[in-house]
Structure formats: C-alpha cells, structure tokens
Amino acid sequence: MQMMRSVFTALAIVSVSATAVSPTPSGGSVSGNVTYTGTPAKQKVIDMSKEPSCAKEHATPLTAESVVTGPNNSLENVVVYISAGVPDESAPSQAVKLEQKGCQYIPHLVTFQVNQTLEIVNDDQTSDSLEK
C-alpha cells in the first residue's frame, strides 16, 4: 500500500509540473490510457471550517483531488511530458484560464506552453483556496 501511495504521489507531482505539447503538422501525436492496479488511497476531506463562506458553497464536503480515478481503473488529470523531439513553435496566443470558484480551482489541472499566458481568476470572497 505504501508503494502504491508513492506511485500516486509521483503521478500527482508529475501532472502538476508537466507541460502539454500540441501535435504539429510535421509531427505526430501521443494518446493512450493511464491505469492503476490495486485500491487507490481514500480522498482526504478538505477542512473548510476556518472559512465558513467556503463551507456554505458545498452541500457535501470537497475532497482533495491528488488522485482522481475513473472507470476501469483509469486515472484522470494525467499529463505526459515530451522533453525532446518536438519542433520549436510559438506558444498559443489564447490564455489558459484557472479559476477559483466555490473555494476550489477549476479546472483542477491546467497545461500550457512556455510563453503562453496563464490567467488566474478568483471569484471567491477569500483570497486563496484552503487546500494546501
């Protein structure tokens, strides 16, 4: 079980720090499914008691999304980082948007290229999410 937690932690770290690469006309693309074996760790409930306005936003308590699973033992929010072999190209002009709504970040995971704009928007009364 400890080994599985380490693997899930590593996947979470990789997905947060990775960058997406778009297919180019002269290149190819990568696709596939990432799955796990065993039982995933139980999601930790986020304690929002220090920020009552956040707690009121949700009928059921939010859980940390360090590992998100789907059907057929699939993992969600996984990013594959390609470190070499991709031709240099300009970053997309469209900004990637990360929003804090209901005291959570939506989407949970964003990818963007070097020199691409990241727009962070906070629609909450609080200045930051409680999940640390």
Protein backbone atom coordinates (compact mmCIF):
# COMPACT_ATOMS: atom_id res chain seq x y z
CA MET A 1 0.00 0.00 0.00
CA GLN A 2 2.88 2.39 0.80
CA MET A 3 4.36 1.71 -2.66
CA MET A 4 1.01 2.49 -4.30
CA ARG A 5 0.74 5.79 -2.37
CA SER A 6 4.23 6.71 -3.55
CA VAL A 7 3.26 5.99 -7.15
CA PHE A 8 0.08 8.06 -6.82
CA THR A 9 2.04 10.90 -5.22
CA ALA A 10 4.60 10.79 -8.03
CA LEU A 11 1.80 10.90 -10.61
CA ALA A 12 0.24 13.88 -8.88
CA ILE A 13 3.57 15.71 -8.81
CA VAL A 14 4.26 14.92 -12.45
CA SER A 15 0.81 16.09 -13.53
CA VAL A 16 1.18 19.40 -11.75
CA SER A 17 4.61 20.20 -13.17
CA ALA A 18 4.20 18.87 -16.72
CA THR A 19 3.58 20.84 -19.89
CA ALA A 20 1.29 19.82 -22.74
CA VAL A 21 2.60 19.75 -26.29
CA SER A 22 0.19 20.08 -29.21
CA PRO A 23 0.54 17.89 -32.28
CA THR A 24 2.04 19.77 -35.23
CA PRO A 25 1.52 19.22 -38.96
CA SER A 26 5.08 17.93 -39.29
CA GLY A 27 4.91 15.78 -36.16
CA GLY A 28 2.70 13.16 -34.64
CA SER A 29 0.59 12.77 -31.55
CA VAL A 30 0.59 10.71 -28.39
CA SER A 31 -2.51 9.10 -26.95
CA GLY A 32 -3.32 6.36 -24.50
CA ASN A 33 -4.81 5.49 -21.13
CA VAL A 34 -3.15 5.59 -17.73
CA THR A 35 -4.44 2.95 -15.33
CA TYR A 36 -3.62 1.73 -11.85
CA THR A 37 -3.63 -1.61 -10.06
CA GLY A 38 -4.77 -2.08 -6.51
CA THR A 39 -7.01 0.16 -4.44
CA PRO A 40 -6.46 3.92 -4.69
CA ALA A 41 -5.98 5.87 -1.47
CA LYS A 42 -9.14 7.33 0.03
CA GLN A 43 -9.56 11.01 -0.79
CA LYS A 44 -8.86 13.38 2.11
CA VAL A 45 -11.74 15.70 3.03
CA ILE A 46 -10.77 19.38 2.87
CA ASP A 47 -11.39 21.13 6.20
CA MET A 48 -13.16 24.39 5.39
CA SER A 49 -14.11 25.24 8.99
CA LYS A 50 -11.73 28.24 9.01
CA GLU A 51 -13.60 29.77 6.09
CA PRO A 52 -17.38 29.44 6.61
CA SER A 53 -18.18 31.12 3.27
CA CYS A 54 -16.38 28.24 1.54
CA ALA A 55 -18.15 25.56 3.56
CA LYS A 56 -21.54 27.08 2.63
CA GLU A 57 -20.72 26.70 -1.09
CA HIS A 58 -20.88 22.88 -0.99
CA ALA A 59 -23.68 20.55 0.11
CA THR A 60 -21.15 17.75 0.60
CA PRO A 61 -17.55 18.38 1.72
CA LEU A 62 -14.91 18.69 -1.00
CA THR A 63 -12.09 16.19 -1.14
CA ALA A 64 -8.51 16.75 -2.24
CA GLU A 65 -8.03 15.68 -5.85
CA SER A 66 -4.46 14.45 -5.55
CA VAL A 67 -5.56 11.23 -7.28
CA VAL A 68 -8.74 11.16 -9.35
CA THR A 69 -9.89 7.79 -10.60
CA GLY A 70 -12.38 6.86 -13.29
CA PRO A 71 -13.97 3.74 -14.73
CA ASN A 72 -11.86 0.65 -15.49
CA ASN A 73 -9.06 1.64 -13.08
CA SER A 74 -8.26 4.76 -15.09
CA LEU A 75 -6.51 7.81 -13.69
CA GLU A 76 -7.77 11.26 -14.59
CA ASN A 77 -5.79 14.53 -14.72
CA VAL A 78 -2.65 12.82 -16.04
CA VAL A 79 -0.21 14.68 -18.28
CA VAL A 80 2.53 13.17 -20.42
CA TYR A 81 5.51 15.48 -20.88
CA ILE A 82 7.55 15.16 -24.07
CA SER A 83 11.01 16.58 -23.39
CA ALA A 84 12.65 16.23 -26.81
CA GLY A 85 11.84 15.81 -30.48
CA VAL A 86 9.11 18.42 -30.73
CA PRO A 87 9.82 21.24 -33.20
CA ASP A 88 10.08 24.75 -31.77
CA GLU A 89 6.88 26.67 -32.24
CA SER A 90 5.30 29.80 -30.84
CA ALA A 91 3.10 29.49 -27.80
CA PRO A 92 -0.64 29.73 -28.47
CA SER A 93 -1.94 33.31 -28.22
CA GLN A 94 -5.02 32.22 -26.26
CA ALA A 95 -4.53 32.39 -22.48
CA VAL A 96 -5.13 29.36 -20.27
CA LYS A 97 -7.60 30.19 -17.51
CA LEU A 98 -7.54 28.83 -13.95
CA GLU A 99 -10.46 29.92 -11.77
CA GLN A 100 -11.05 29.76 -8.06
CA LYS A 101 -14.80 29.20 -7.64
CA GLY A 102 -16.50 27.81 -4.58
CA CYS A 103 -13.10 27.69 -2.86
CA GLN A 104 -11.70 25.23 -5.35
CA TYR A 105 -9.62 25.55 -8.50
CA ILE A 106 -11.43 24.80 -11.77
CA PRO A 107 -10.19 23.02 -13.74
CA HIS A 108 -8.14 21.03 -11.27
CA LEU A 109 -5.28 20.70 -13.74
CA VAL A 110 -4.15 23.03 -16.50
CA THR A 111 -1.38 22.68 -19.05
CA PHE A 112 0.26 25.42 -21.02
CA GLN A 113 3.38 26.09 -23.04
CA VAL A 114 6.39 28.27 -22.28
CA ASN A 115 5.50 31.91 -23.04
CA GLN A 116 1.75 31.18 -23.04
CA THR A 117 -0.30 33.41 -20.75
CA LEU A 118 -1.84 31.89 -17.61
CA GLU A 119 -4.84 33.85 -16.36
CA ILE A 120 -5.82 33.20 -12.73
CA VAL A 121 -9.25 34.45 -11.66
CA ASN A 122 -10.65 34.45 -8.11
CA ASP A 123 -14.44 34.74 -7.82
CA ASP A 124 -14.47 33.92 -4.09
CA GLN A 125 -14.63 36.19 -1.05
CA THR A 126 -11.44 34.61 0.25
CA SER A 127 -8.05 35.33 -1.28
CA ASP A 128 -6.85 31.74 -1.62
CA SER A 129 -8.05 28.16 -1.56
CA LEU A 130 -7.93 26.31 1.75
CA GLU A 131 -6.24 23.26 0.21
CA LYS A 132 -2.52 23.47 0.99
